[in-house]
Amino acid sequence: MTIHHQPGRERIDAVRSFNRFYTRQIGLLDEGLLKSAFSLTEARVLYELAHRDGLTATDLARDLGLDPGYLSRLLKKFEERGLVERATTQADARRSSITLTPAGKAAFAPLNQGSHDQVAALLDRLPAPEQDRLVEAMRTVQLLLGESAEPRVPYMLRPLQVGDIGWIIHRQGLLYAQEYGWDETYEALVAEILGAFVKSFDAKWERSWIAEREGEVVGSVFVVRQSDAVAKLRLLYVEPSARGLGIGKRLVEECIGFARAKGYKTLTLWTNDVLTSARRIYEAAGFKLADQERHHAFGKDLVGQNWNLEL
């Protein structure tokens, strides 16, 4: 049996003090969130519509804890401004799903970027170890007070942004060291590949996909042009915290779809046999092992493999 202790006055005051402090830090008391025309509630509704498909007014009211009448008036205002539109759901003709219009997406984009920049500036005041302490403390608050530790939004895919390259190099270097014992030469290779990708990027023939979950990068993959007929899939990875959501499979599918749409004849990749999870994804997608060779790299004896998918 769980015994609940009545919180003391000092604890209550401490929480209220933190609430006042944090609302000042992120500007929740301002008339418009992030100097926009939208309130915090309006921005939250736009965020949910931008990141989830098939939402109804009932879903939004339940998940955001909003009064249905208030939400109805808010959505009507959005409709009048051309920010959202409704469509009858396939499952129930009496229910309407709500989606952002192109104008709605355009209105949300600066809000999303502004929130990103605001948090980046907030964290930038602190050295990296203190940033980690702050983030961990926030996760603890969310874990203790939230109904569920799992985010409602599994993940989203987006294009490469400033800051992603350094983060991916950092994370891949750490993850492959922790999981396979690879040394710093692998991190150097990732830096070399991504540096070349950015410097010689050709938007017509090349593409990147970044998987983001609750504002954090949790995976990525790149397609680069090798020749007129051949594209190369590079540096697929998924964070341990996001594995099991189908992100790796989805990233590979995006690469294949892009390569086919651009008229490439072959999509190729190089990997090592120890990366069994990635190899399973490649095999399931139709890639065939072309050749393999033993080699010594990243401080380990490995078997390098070339895989091809005929498009």
C-alpha atoms as a PDB file:
ATOM      1  CA  MET A   1       0.000   0.000   0.000  1.00  0.00           C
ATOM      2  CA  THR A   2       1.318   3.421  -0.945  1.00  0.00           C
ATOM      3  CA  ILE A   3       1.260   6.016   1.827  1.00  0.00           C
ATOM      4  CA  HIS A   4       0.779   9.580   0.607  1.00  0.00           C
ATOM      5  CA  HIS A   5       2.303  12.341   2.716  1.00  0.00           C
ATOM      6  CA  GLN A   6       0.699  15.760   2.705  1.00  0.00           C
ATOM      7  CA  PRO A   7       3.242  18.196   1.220  1.00  0.00           C
ATOM      8  CA  GLY A   8       4.566  20.792   3.630  1.00  0.00           C
ATOM      9  CA  ARG A   9       4.349  24.542   3.174  1.00  0.00           C
ATOM     10  CA  GLU A  10       8.050  24.820   2.231  1.00  0.00           C
ATOM     11  CA  ARG A  11       7.700  22.292  -0.593  1.00  0.00           C
ATOM     12  CA  ILE A  12       4.602  23.973  -1.941  1.00  0.00           C
ATOM     13  CA  ASP A  13       6.325  27.365  -1.864  1.00  0.00           C
ATOM     14  CA  ALA A  14       9.387  25.907  -3.608  1.00  0.00           C
ATOM     15  CA  VAL A  15       7.284  24.515  -6.470  1.00  0.00           C
ATOM     16  CA  ARG A  16       5.357  27.776  -6.830  1.00  0.00           C
ATOM     17  CA  SER A  17       8.632  29.707  -6.857  1.00  0.00           C
ATOM     18  CA  PHE A  18       9.999  27.453  -9.588  1.00  0.00           C
ATOM     19  CA  ASN A  19       6.815  27.932 -11.637  1.00  0.00           C
ATOM     20  CA  ARG A  20       7.126  31.723 -11.425  1.00  0.00           C
ATOM     21  CA  PHE A  21      10.813  31.558 -12.330  1.00  0.00           C
ATOM     22  CA  TYR A  22      10.360  29.298 -15.343  1.00  0.00           C
ATOM     23  CA  THR A  23       7.378  31.140 -16.794  1.00  0.00           C
ATOM     24  CA  ARG A  24       9.508  34.306 -16.767  1.00  0.00           C
ATOM     25  CA  GLN A  25      12.425  32.468 -18.390  1.00  0.00           C
ATOM     26  CA  ILE A  26      10.429  31.262 -21.384  1.00  0.00           C
ATOM     27  CA  GLY A  27       8.088  34.235 -21.688  1.00  0.00           C
ATOM     28  CA  LEU A  28       4.782  32.548 -20.901  1.00  0.00           C
ATOM     29  CA  LEU A  29       3.501  35.773 -19.355  1.00  0.00           C
ATOM     30  CA  ASP A  30       3.996  37.682 -22.598  1.00  0.00           C
ATOM     31  CA  GLU A  31       0.866  38.625 -24.507  1.00  0.00           C
ATOM     32  CA  GLY A  32       1.972  36.583 -27.525  1.00  0.00           C
ATOM     33  CA  LEU A  33       4.109  33.462 -27.330  1.00  0.00           C
ATOM     34  CA  LEU A  34       7.592  34.040 -28.788  1.00  0.00           C
ATOM     35  CA  LYS A  35       6.522  37.526 -29.897  1.00  0.00           C
ATOM     36  CA  SER A  36       3.888  35.991 -32.190  1.00  0.00           C
ATOM     37  CA  ALA A  37       0.158  36.587 -32.487  1.00  0.00           C
ATOM     38  CA  PHE A  38      -0.538  33.212 -30.845  1.00  0.00           C
ATOM     39  CA  SER A  39      -1.163  32.413 -27.191  1.00  0.00           C
ATOM     40  CA  LEU A  40       0.486  29.446 -25.504  1.00  0.00           C
ATOM     41  CA  THR A  41      -2.680  27.353 -25.907  1.00  0.00           C
ATOM     42  CA  GLU A  42      -3.015  28.245 -29.577  1.00  0.00           C
ATOM     43  CA  ALA A  43       0.609  27.342 -30.169  1.00  0.00           C
ATOM     44  CA  ARG A  44       0.124  23.980 -28.434  1.00  0.00           C
ATOM     45  CA  VAL A  45      -2.832  23.177 -30.680  1.00  0.00           C
ATOM     46  CA  LEU A  46      -0.812  24.111 -33.767  1.00  0.00           C
ATOM     47  CA  TYR A  47       2.062  21.927 -32.537  1.00  0.00           C
ATOM     48  CA  GLU A  48      -0.177  18.876 -32.133  1.00  0.00           C
ATOM     49  CA  LEU A  49      -1.697  19.376 -35.588  1.00  0.00           C
ATOM     50  CA  ALA A  50       1.762  19.783 -37.143  1.00  0.00           C
ATOM     51  CA  HIS A  51       3.084  16.560 -35.629  1.00  0.00           C
ATOM     52  CA  ARG A  52       0.111  14.167 -35.604  1.00  0.00           C
ATOM     53  CA  ASP A  53      -2.214  12.956 -38.328  1.00  0.00           C
ATOM     54  CA  GLY A  54      -5.938  12.239 -38.093  1.00  0.00           C
ATOM     55  CA  LEU A  55      -6.620  14.321 -34.975  1.00  0.00           C
ATOM     56  CA  THR A  56     -10.190  15.234 -34.072  1.00  0.00           C
ATOM     57  CA  ALA A  57     -11.388  17.977 -31.756  1.00  0.00           C
ATOM     58  CA  THR A  58     -12.115  15.270 -29.162  1.00  0.00           C
ATOM     59  CA  ASP A  59      -8.512  14.055 -29.373  1.00  0.00           C
ATOM     60  CA  LEU A  60      -7.141  17.563 -28.922  1.00  0.00           C
ATOM     61  CA  ALA A  61      -9.409  18.383 -25.981  1.00  0.00           C
ATOM     62  CA  ARG A  62      -8.494  15.135 -24.225  1.00  0.00           C
ATOM     63  CA  ASP A  63      -4.740  15.203 -24.852  1.00  0.00           C
ATOM     64  CA  LEU A  64      -4.273  18.892 -24.067  1.00  0.00           C
ATOM     65  CA  GLY A  65      -6.742  18.992 -21.186  1.00  0.00           C
ATOM     66  CA  LEU A  66      -8.800  21.748 -22.840  1.00  0.00           C
ATOM     67  CA  ASP A  67     -12.447  22.599 -22.348  1.00  0.00           C
ATOM     68  CA  PRO A  68     -14.284  21.354 -25.495  1.00  0.00           C
ATOM     69  CA  GLY A  69     -16.244  24.572 -25.834  1.00  0.00           C
ATOM     70  CA  TYR A  70     -13.114  26.721 -25.613  1.00  0.00           C
ATOM     71  CA  LEU A  71     -11.304  24.476 -28.095  1.00  0.00           C
ATOM     72  CA  SER A  72     -14.258  24.639 -30.496  1.00  0.00           C
ATOM     73  CA  ARG A  73     -14.109  28.444 -30.506  1.00  0.00           C
ATOM     74  CA  LEU A  74     -10.325  28.364 -30.987  1.00  0.00           C
ATOM     75  CA  LEU A  75     -10.584  25.975 -33.955  1.00  0.00           C
ATOM     76  CA  LYS A  76     -13.353  28.069 -35.498  1.00  0.00           C
ATOM     77  CA  LYS A  77     -11.058  31.099 -35.300  1.00  0.00           C
ATOM     78  CA  PHE A  78      -8.278  29.074 -36.967  1.00  0.00           C
ATOM     79  CA  GLU A  79     -10.677  28.012 -39.727  1.00  0.00           C
ATOM     80  CA  GLU A  80     -11.752  31.608 -40.350  1.00  0.00           C
ATOM     81  CA  ARG A  81      -8.065  32.549 -40.720  1.00  0.00           C
ATOM     82  CA  GLY A  82      -7.502  29.666 -43.127  1.00  0.00           C
ATOM     83  CA  LEU A  83      -5.054  27.887 -40.816  1.00  0.00           C
ATOM     84  CA  VAL A  84      -6.920  24.583 -40.461  1.00  0.00           C
ATOM     85  CA  GLU A  85      -9.414  22.522 -42.415  1.00  0.00           C
ATOM     86  CA  ARG A  86     -11.693  19.629 -41.536  1.00  0.00           C
ATOM     87  CA  ALA A  87     -12.346  16.352 -43.343  1.00  0.00           C
ATOM     88  CA  THR A  88     -14.682  13.474 -42.490  1.00  0.00           C
ATOM     89  CA  THR A  89     -12.801  10.489 -41.073  1.00  0.00           C
ATOM     90  CA  GLN A  90     -13.038   7.163 -42.873  1.00  0.00           C
ATOM     91  CA  ALA A  91     -13.879   5.302 -39.683  1.00  0.00           C
ATOM     92  CA  ASP A  92     -16.797   7.525 -38.677  1.00  0.00           C
ATOM     93  CA  ALA A  93     -18.577   9.954 -40.971  1.00  0.00           C
ATOM     94  CA  ARG A  94     -19.801  11.869 -37.918  1.00  0.00           C
ATOM     95  CA  ARG A  95     -16.256  12.750 -36.853  1.00  0.00           C
ATOM     96  CA  SER A  96     -13.999  15.260 -38.608  1.00  0.00           C
ATOM     97  CA  SER A  97     -10.227  15.152 -38.600  1.00  0.00           C
ATOM     98  CA  ILE A  98      -8.439  18.483 -38.424  1.00  0.00           C
ATOM     99  CA  THR A  99      -5.321  19.295 -40.419  1.00  0.00           C
ATOM    100  CA  LEU A 100      -3.160  22.335 -40.977  1.00  0.00           C
ATOM    101  CA  THR A 101      -3.507  24.093 -44.301  1.00  0.00           C
ATOM    102  CA  PRO A 102      -0.401  25.353 -46.107  1.00  0.00           C
ATOM    103  CA  ALA A 103      -1.084  28.698 -44.434  1.00  0.00           C
ATOM    104  CA  GLY A 104      -1.289  26.949 -41.076  1.00  0.00           C
ATOM    105  CA  LYS A 105       2.017  25.204 -41.648  1.00  0.00           C
ATOM    106  CA  ALA A 106       3.580  28.516 -42.650  1.00  0.00           C
ATOM    107  CA  ALA A 107       2.231  30.138 -39.483  1.00  0.00           C
ATOM    108  CA  PHE A 108       3.555  27.325 -37.296  1.00  0.00           C
ATOM    109  CA  ALA A 109       7.051  27.205 -38.830  1.00  0.00           C
ATOM    110  CA  PRO A 110       8.398  30.419 -37.213  1.00  0.00           C
ATOM    111  CA  LEU A 111       6.834  29.389 -33.884  1.00  0.00           C
ATOM    112  CA  ASN A 112       8.618  26.048 -34.052  1.00  0.00           C
ATOM    113  CA  GLN A 113      11.924  27.644 -35.012  1.00  0.00           C
ATOM    114  CA  GLY A 114      11.487  30.376 -32.424  1.00  0.00           C
ATOM    115  CA  SER A 115      10.940  27.805 -29.681  1.00  0.00           C
ATOM    116  CA  HIS A 116      14.024  25.908 -30.847  1.00  0.00           C
ATOM    117  CA  ASP A 117      16.125  29.081 -30.829  1.00  0.00           C
ATOM    118  CA  GLN A 118      14.790  30.180 -27.438  1.00  0.00           C
ATOM    119  CA  VAL A 119      15.714  26.897 -25.776  1.00  0.00           C
ATOM    120  CA  ALA A 120      19.086  26.863 -27.538  1.00  0.00           C
ATOM    121  CA  ALA A 121      19.813  30.333 -26.127  1.00  0.00           C
ATOM    122  CA  LEU A 122      18.672  29.209 -22.675  1.00  0.00           C
ATOM    123  CA  LEU A 123      21.006  26.207 -22.721  1.00  0.00           C
ATOM    124  CA  ASP A 124      23.845  28.190 -24.256  1.00  0.00           C
ATOM    125  CA  ARG A 125      24.261  30.082 -20.982  1.00  0.00           C
ATOM    126  CA  LEU A 126      25.550  26.883 -19.394  1.00  0.00           C
ATOM    127  CA  PRO A 127      28.599  24.679 -20.035  1.00  0.00           C
ATOM    128  CA  ALA A 128      27.837  21.246 -21.511  1.00  0.00           C
ATOM    129  CA  PRO A 129      27.900  19.311 -18.188  1.00  0.00           C
ATOM    130  CA  GLU A 130      25.442  21.777 -16.655  1.00  0.00           C
ATOM    131  CA  GLN A 131      23.206  21.490 -19.724  1.00  0.00           C
ATOM    132  CA  ASP A 132      23.080  17.739 -19.141  1.00  0.00           C
ATOM    133  CA  ARG A 133      22.171  18.291 -15.481  1.00  0.00           C
ATOM    134  CA  LEU A 134      19.365  20.655 -16.441  1.00  0.00           C
ATOM    135  CA  VAL A 135      17.933  18.308 -19.084  1.00  0.00           C
ATOM    136  CA  GLU A 136      18.079  15.355 -16.702  1.00  0.00           C
ATOM    137  CA  ALA A 137      16.302  17.381 -14.011  1.00  0.00           C
ATOM    138  CA  MET A 138      13.559  18.268 -16.471  1.00  0.00           C
ATOM    139  CA  ARG A 139      13.191  14.624 -17.474  1.00  0.00           C
ATOM    140  CA  THR A 140      12.836  13.761 -13.796  1.00  0.00           C
ATOM    141  CA  VAL A 141      10.037  16.317 -13.387  1.00  0.00           C
ATOM    142  CA  GLN A 142       8.293  14.936 -16.465  1.00  0.00           C
ATOM    143  CA  LEU A 143       8.685  11.355 -15.284  1.00  0.00           C
ATOM    144  CA  LEU A 144       7.369  12.049 -11.773  1.00  0.00           C
ATOM    145  CA  LEU A 145       4.420  14.239 -12.757  1.00  0.00           C
ATOM    146  CA  GLY A 146       3.481  12.864 -16.171  1.00  0.00           C
ATOM    147  CA  GLU A 147       0.824  10.231 -16.731  1.00  0.00           C
ATOM    148  CA  SER A 148       3.200   8.389 -19.030  1.00  0.00           C
ATOM    149  CA  ALA A 149       6.933   8.555 -19.572  1.00  0.00           C
ATOM    150  CA  GLU A 150       6.452   7.749 -23.248  1.00  0.00           C
ATOM    151  CA  PRO A 151       5.864  10.672 -25.609  1.00  0.00           C
ATOM    152  CA  ARG A 152       2.598  10.632 -27.558  1.00  0.00           C
ATOM    153  CA  VAL A 153       4.400  11.533 -30.771  1.00  0.00           C
ATOM    154  CA  PRO A 154       6.625   8.570 -31.768  1.00  0.00           C
ATOM    155  CA  TYR A 155       8.868  10.627 -34.049  1.00  0.00           C
ATOM    156  CA  MET A 156       8.969  12.962 -37.048  1.00  0.00           C
ATOM    157  CA  LEU A 157      11.320  13.223 -40.018  1.00  0.00           C
ATOM    158  CA  ARG A 158      12.742  16.556 -41.101  1.00  0.00           C
ATOM    159  CA  PRO A 159      15.587  17.916 -43.258  1.00  0.00           C
ATOM    160  CA  LEU A 160      19.067  18.671 -41.963  1.00  0.00           C
ATOM    161  CA  GLN A 161      19.393  21.797 -39.798  1.00  0.00           C
ATOM    162  CA  VAL A 162      22.344  23.772 -38.492  1.00  0.00           C
ATOM    163  CA  GLY A 163      23.803  21.909 -35.527  1.00  0.00           C
ATOM    164  CA  ASP A 164      22.745  18.441 -36.693  1.00  0.00           C
ATOM    165  CA  ILE A 165      26.068  17.549 -38.316  1.00  0.00           C
ATOM    166  CA  GLY A 166      28.092  18.071 -35.145  1.00  0.00           C
ATOM    167  CA  TRP A 167      25.511  16.255 -33.060  1.00  0.00           C
ATOM    168  CA  ILE A 168      25.407  13.212 -35.360  1.00  0.00           C
ATOM    169  CA  ILE A 169      29.207  12.980 -35.399  1.00  0.00           C
ATOM    170  CA  HIS A 170      29.239  13.187 -31.596  1.00  0.00           C
ATOM    171  CA  ARG A 171      26.493  10.618 -31.066  1.00  0.00           C
ATOM    172  CA  GLN A 172      27.740   8.105 -33.620  1.00  0.00           C
ATOM    173  CA  GLY A 173      31.247   8.327 -32.190  1.00  0.00           C
ATOM    174  CA  LEU A 174      29.941   7.627 -28.684  1.00  0.00           C
ATOM    175  CA  LEU A 175      27.410   4.952 -29.611  1.00  0.00           C
ATOM    176  CA  TYR A 176      29.761   2.865 -31.729  1.00  0.00           C
ATOM    177  CA  ALA A 177      32.407   3.104 -29.010  1.00  0.00           C
ATOM    178  CA  GLN A 178      29.929   1.983 -26.354  1.00  0.00           C
ATOM    179  CA  GLU A 179      28.248  -0.758 -28.385  1.00  0.00           C
ATOM    180  CA  TYR A 180      31.119  -2.134 -30.483  1.00  0.00           C
ATOM    181  CA  GLY A 181      34.282  -0.786 -28.871  1.00  0.00           C
ATOM    182  CA  TRP A 182      35.265   1.226 -31.952  1.00  0.00           C
ATOM    183  CA  ASP A 183      37.894   3.901 -31.445  1.00  0.00           C
ATOM    184  CA  GLU A 184      38.028   7.583 -32.380  1.00  0.00           C
ATOM    185  CA  THR A 185      38.964   6.822 -35.991  1.00  0.00           C
ATOM    186  CA  TYR A 186      35.321   5.942 -36.650  1.00  0.00           C
ATOM    187  CA  GLU A 187      34.210   9.326 -35.346  1.00  0.00           C
ATOM    188  CA  ALA A 188      36.818  10.879 -37.633  1.00  0.00           C
ATOM    189  CA  LEU A 189      35.382   8.966 -40.588  1.00  0.00           C
ATOM    190  CA  VAL A 190      31.858  10.162 -39.812  1.00  0.00           C
ATOM    191  CA  ALA A 191      33.155  13.739 -39.606  1.00  0.00           C
ATOM    192  CA  GLU A 192      34.914  13.345 -42.946  1.00  0.00           C
ATOM    193  CA  ILE A 193      31.818  11.908 -44.678  1.00  0.00           C
ATOM    194  CA  LEU A 194      29.443  14.530 -43.311  1.00  0.00           C
ATOM    195  CA  GLY A 195      31.870  17.379 -43.941  1.00  0.00           C
ATOM    196  CA  ALA A 196      32.080  16.333 -47.590  1.00  0.00           C
ATOM    197  CA  PHE A 197      28.287  15.974 -47.741  1.00  0.00           C
ATOM    198  CA  VAL A 198      27.744  19.555 -46.641  1.00  0.00           C
ATOM    199  CA  LYS A 199      30.521  21.056 -48.763  1.00  0.00           C
ATOM    200  CA  SER A 200      29.502  19.381 -52.024  1.00  0.00           C
ATOM    201  CA  PHE A 201      25.773  18.959 -51.385  1.00  0.00           C
ATOM    202  CA  ASP A 202      23.658  18.751 -54.549  1.00  0.00           C
ATOM    203  CA  ALA A 203      19.997  19.202 -53.614  1.00  0.00           C
ATOM    204  CA  LYS A 204      18.834  17.751 -56.923  1.00  0.00           C
ATOM    205  CA  TRP A 205      20.508  14.383 -56.368  1.00  0.00           C
ATOM    206  CA  GLU A 206      21.172  14.124 -52.642  1.00  0.00           C
ATOM    207  CA  ARG A 207      19.078  14.168 -49.491  1.00  0.00           C
ATOM    208  CA  SER A 208      19.205  13.801 -45.712  1.00  0.00           C
ATOM    209  CA  TRP A 209      16.579  12.724 -43.200  1.00  0.00           C
ATOM    210  CA  ILE A 210      16.730  13.523 -39.500  1.00  0.00           C
ATOM    211  CA  ALA A 211      14.448  11.630 -37.105  1.00  0.00           C
ATOM    212  CA  GLU A 212      13.338  13.833 -34.225  1.00  0.00           C
ATOM    213  CA  ARG A 213      11.460  12.770 -31.109  1.00  0.00           C
ATOM    214  CA  GLU A 214      10.258  15.234 -28.511  1.00  0.00           C
ATOM    215  CA  GLY A 215      12.700  17.824 -29.872  1.00  0.00           C
ATOM    216  CA  GLU A 216      15.742  15.514 -29.826  1.00  0.00           C
ATOM    217  CA  VAL A 217      17.585  13.971 -32.764  1.00  0.00           C
ATOM    218  CA  VAL A 218      17.147  10.193 -32.507  1.00  0.00           C
ATOM    219  CA  GLY A 219      18.355   9.005 -35.908  1.00  0.00           C
ATOM    220  CA  SER A 220      19.486   9.976 -39.375  1.00  0.00           C
ATOM    221  CA  VAL A 221      20.495   8.766 -42.816  1.00  0.00           C
ATOM    222  CA  PHE A 222      21.966  10.312 -45.956  1.00  0.00           C
ATOM    223  CA  VAL A 223      21.826   9.624 -49.697  1.00  0.00           C
ATOM    224  CA  VAL A 224      24.744  10.861 -51.804  1.00  0.00           C
ATOM    225  CA  ARG A 225      25.300  10.765 -55.546  1.00  0.00           C
ATOM    226  CA  GLN A 226      28.020   8.338 -56.560  1.00  0.00           C
ATOM    227  CA  SER A 227      27.375   8.501 -60.312  1.00  0.00           C
ATOM    228  CA  ASP A 228      24.515   9.222 -62.713  1.00  0.00           C
ATOM    229  CA  ALA A 229      23.218   5.700 -62.134  1.00  0.00           C
ATOM    230  CA  VAL A 230      24.301   4.945 -58.572  1.00  0.00           C
ATOM    231  CA  ALA A 231      23.327   6.543 -55.258  1.00  0.00           C
ATOM    232  CA  LYS A 232      24.850   5.606 -51.902  1.00  0.00           C
ATOM    233  CA  LEU A 233      23.055   5.247 -48.580  1.00  0.00           C
ATOM    234  CA  ARG A 234      25.282   6.445 -45.762  1.00  0.00           C
ATOM    235  CA  LEU A 235      25.487   6.574 -41.962  1.00  0.00           C
ATOM    236  CA  LEU A 236      22.154   5.087 -40.947  1.00  0.00           C
ATOM    237  CA  TYR A 237      21.774   5.181 -37.171  1.00  0.00           C
ATOM    238  CA  VAL A 238      19.043   5.199 -34.519  1.00  0.00           C
ATOM    239  CA  GLU A 239      19.447   6.178 -30.873  1.00  0.00           C
ATOM    240  CA  PRO A 240      18.979   3.322 -28.377  1.00  0.00           C
ATOM    241  CA  SER A 241      16.146   5.231 -26.698  1.00  0.00           C
ATOM    242  CA  ALA A 242      14.169   5.261 -29.964  1.00  0.00           C
ATOM    243  CA  ARG A 243      14.775   1.734 -31.193  1.00  0.00           C
ATOM    244  CA  GLY A 244      11.717  -0.433 -31.721  1.00  0.00           C
ATOM    245  CA  LEU A 245       9.676   2.384 -33.274  1.00  0.00           C
ATOM    246  CA  GLY A 246      10.499   1.433 -36.870  1.00  0.00           C
ATOM    247  CA  ILE A 247      12.683   4.487 -37.428  1.00  0.00           C
ATOM    248  CA  GLY A 248      15.530   2.587 -39.107  1.00  0.00           C
ATOM    249  CA  LYS A 249      13.140   0.869 -41.508  1.00  0.00           C
ATOM    250  CA  ARG A 250      11.415   4.160 -42.289  1.00  0.00           C
ATOM    251  CA  LEU A 251      14.713   5.954 -42.950  1.00  0.00           C
ATOM    252  CA  VAL A 252      15.819   3.240 -45.382  1.00  0.00           C
ATOM    253  CA  GLU A 253      12.430   3.360 -47.133  1.00  0.00           C
ATOM    254  CA  GLU A 254      12.799   7.121 -47.577  1.00  0.00           C
ATOM    255  CA  CYS A 255      16.228   6.596 -49.173  1.00  0.00           C
ATOM    256  CA  ILE A 256      14.857   3.992 -51.575  1.00  0.00           C
ATOM    257  CA  GLY A 257      11.886   6.140 -52.547  1.00  0.00           C
ATOM    258  CA  PHE A 258      14.108   9.155 -53.158  1.00  0.00           C
ATOM    259  CA  ALA A 259      16.628   7.173 -55.243  1.00  0.00           C
ATOM    260  CA  ARG A 260      13.867   5.710 -57.406  1.00  0.00           C
ATOM    261  CA  ALA A 261      12.214   9.091 -57.897  1.00  0.00           C
ATOM    262  CA  LYS A 262      15.532  10.574 -59.060  1.00  0.00           C
ATOM    263  CA  GLY A 263      16.045   7.826 -61.631  1.00  0.00           C
ATOM    264  CA  TYR A 264      19.021   6.092 -60.051  1.00  0.00           C
ATOM    265  CA  LYS A 265      19.456   2.487 -61.179  1.00  0.00           C
ATOM    266  CA  THR A 266      21.195   1.219 -58.038  1.00  0.00           C
ATOM    267  CA  LEU A 267      21.251   2.169 -54.376  1.00  0.00           C
ATOM    268  CA  THR A 268      24.411   0.902 -52.707  1.00  0.00           C
ATOM    269  CA  LEU A 269      25.819   0.935 -49.187  1.00  0.00           C
ATOM    270  CA  TRP A 270      28.845  -0.195 -47.191  1.00  0.00           C
ATOM    271  CA  THR A 271      28.561  -1.663 -43.705  1.00  0.00           C
ATOM    272  CA  ASN A 272      30.226  -4.155 -41.372  1.00  0.00           C
ATOM    273  CA  ASP A 273      28.894  -7.591 -40.488  1.00  0.00           C
ATOM    274  CA  VAL A 274      28.727  -6.807 -36.758  1.00  0.00           C
ATOM    275  CA  LEU A 275      25.951  -4.274 -37.399  1.00  0.00           C
ATOM    276  CA  THR A 276      23.314  -7.005 -37.403  1.00  0.00           C
ATOM    277  CA  SER A 277      20.232  -4.836 -36.796  1.00  0.00           C
ATOM    278  CA  ALA A 278      21.067  -2.577 -39.735  1.00  0.00           C
ATOM    279  CA  ARG A 279      21.787  -5.580 -41.969  1.00  0.00           C
ATOM    280  CA  ARG A 280      18.366  -7.055 -41.162  1.00  0.00           C
ATOM    281  CA  ILE A 281      16.739  -3.799 -42.266  1.00  0.00           C
ATOM    282  CA  TYR A 282      18.729  -3.773 -45.517  1.00  0.00           C
ATOM    283  CA  GLU A 283      17.867  -7.402 -46.285  1.00  0.00           C
ATOM    284  CA  ALA A 284      14.169  -6.846 -45.554  1.00  0.00           C
ATOM    285  CA  ALA A 285      14.200  -3.857 -47.932  1.00  0.00           C
ATOM    286  CA  GLY A 286      15.594  -6.017 -50.750  1.00  0.00           C
ATOM    287  CA  PHE A 287      19.315  -5.224 -50.632  1.00  0.00           C
ATOM    288  CA  LYS A 288      21.606  -8.057 -51.750  1.00  0.00           C
ATOM    289  CA  LEU A 289      25.116  -8.705 -50.444  1.00  0.00           C
ATOM    290  CA  ALA A 290      27.495  -7.936 -53.329  1.00  0.00           C
ATOM    291  CA  ASP A 291      30.846  -8.743 -51.714  1.00  0.00           C
ATOM    292  CA  GLN A 292      32.648  -8.732 -48.382  1.00  0.00           C
ATOM    293  CA  GLU A 293      36.228  -8.513 -47.185  1.00  0.00           C
ATOM    294  CA  ARG A 294      38.054  -8.786 -43.879  1.00  0.00           C
ATOM    295  CA  HIS A 295      39.753  -5.597 -42.776  1.00  0.00           C
ATOM    296  CA  HIS A 296      41.100  -3.883 -39.665  1.00  0.00           C
ATOM    297  CA  ALA A 297      39.477  -0.550 -38.855  1.00  0.00           C
ATOM    298  CA  PHE A 298      38.333   1.497 -35.874  1.00  0.00           C
ATOM    299  CA  GLY A 299      40.605  -0.600 -33.644  1.00  0.00           C
ATOM    300  CA  LYS A 300      38.853  -3.879 -34.517  1.00  0.00           C
ATOM    301  CA  ASP A 301      39.104  -6.792 -36.945  1.00  0.00           C
ATOM    302  CA  LEU A 302      35.952  -6.488 -39.038  1.00  0.00           C
ATOM    303  CA  VAL A 303      34.262  -7.834 -42.143  1.00  0.00           C
ATOM    304  CA  GLY A 304      33.273  -4.987 -44.462  1.00  0.00           C
ATOM    305  CA  GLN A 305      30.318  -5.599 -46.755  1.00  0.00           C
ATOM    306  CA  ASN A 306      28.916  -3.922 -49.873  1.00  0.00           C
ATOM    307  CA  TRP A 307      25.166  -4.248 -50.410  1.00  0.00           C
ATOM    308  CA  ASN A 308      23.211  -3.244 -53.529  1.00  0.00           C
ATOM    309  CA  LEU A 309      19.555  -2.681 -54.301  1.00  0.00           C
ATOM    310  CA  GLU A 310      18.601  -2.675 -57.974  1.00  0.00           C
ATOM    311  CA  LEU A 311      15.951  -0.036 -58.481  1.00  0.00           C
END
